[in-house]
Amino acid sequence: MATAIRNIVLVRHDASLANVDPSVYKQMPDHVIPLAELDSSRVQRAASFIGALGLDASATVSWCSPYVRCRQTEDAILRRVFVEDTDKVRRRESFLLREQEFGDWDSLTDEEAEVQLPRAFAKRKLLTDNYGKFYYRYPNGESRADVVLRVIAFMGKLHRSDFANHLVILHGVTQRAFRMAWLNLDVDWFEDEPNQGNASVLHIRRDASRGWIERYLPDGPERSNEQWRAR
């Protein structure tokens, strides 16, 4: 039987070159865009928050999106959090944690898409006006609903794991998808919740009396899945 999960730590990757200058999306494939700065002050701050949790390296598995910016973020955080025990952390990469795929829309601004993809742009406007952004599937890409479904598939890996602690390095939309699925939140929540900042740290822990509790480190408010549903 798999060990019960006690802690999940979701970390959005640090700022990439494209976060600083969106024109980079037109020059490089999304998955190879690196961080704007290695071991930035944001990553150092995130590592200090995670280190304060006192996670046992030998009971921790680190999951990472295959995108370069996530790998670089993971490397820096693990070195700072676990220091000489870094090699005791089990590291796993999962394509299920990748960024939302925008297909034909990739690298285009909305203004450019309206000119270059007029039919798709008109369809998106119609569907998002009627149903919201969550269900719109980009041409040859994904909808946000698709991202949630593959994150649910990823969760099967966690439940089959023998580790109590899980560090997950991922993307903004993927992070929201994880929270939605893990805490049983609804589509309205997903639409209203913004992506958190680069190198933000969300701690989800198991509480014997309150179920799953989430909190942005270091001083965000604690919320249980029951509180979210009752909001």
Foldseek 3Di string as FASTA:
>chain_A
DADAAFKEKEWEFFAFPCNVPVLVQVVDPQLATARPDQLDPLLLVLLVQVLVVVDDQLQEEEEFESRRRLVRSVVNSLCSNVPVCSVNYHYYYDNLQADFWQPPCGSPDLVRCCVVVVVQSVVCVVCCVVPNQQQDAHVRTGHLVVSLVSVVVVVVVVVPHNHRYYYYYHHQSNVLSNCCVVLVADPVCSRPDGRDHHRWMKMWGQDPPQGIWIATPDDGDIDGSVRRVVD
